[in-house]
Amino acid sequence: MKNTINAIDAELIGTRIRKERETLGLTREKFAEVLDLSPLYIGQLERGERLMSLSTLIKISNILNISTDYLIHGKSTHESLMKEHSNEPLYNKNNSTLYALLNKCSQKELTLIESMVKLIIPYIR
């Protein structure tokens, strides 16, 4: 018999996976193909009927370009940081879209963005 807490968590994780997959316009079959998993298994994950390994969780988060933190807790890292630093000038509601976009970037993309911002700032001041 399933533990109720694990069943609820698995169901929420599965719902988040389905939502993000559909947002990207991926069918369950195409998503499964990219992950090298069966569509049946993906369906079971999305319904919260099965738990996945850590490596599968990481693969899914990478393909969907979202954090594992979001999949597990429903909050992305930037949301946690914004709550923690909400009184600081850099972390405010006006920047939330920027943080959401940056949170979906790979480390390589973030490094490139950082370099570009460093180049641009002196010219816009």
Foldseek 3Di string as FASTA:
>chain_A
DDDPVLLVQQQQLLCVLVVLCVVVVHDLCRLCVQLVHHSVVNVCSNRSNDDDDPVSLVVSCVVSLADSCCSRPVDGPLVVVLVVPVVDPVRHPVCPVVSVVVRSDDPVVVVVVVVVCVVCVVVVD
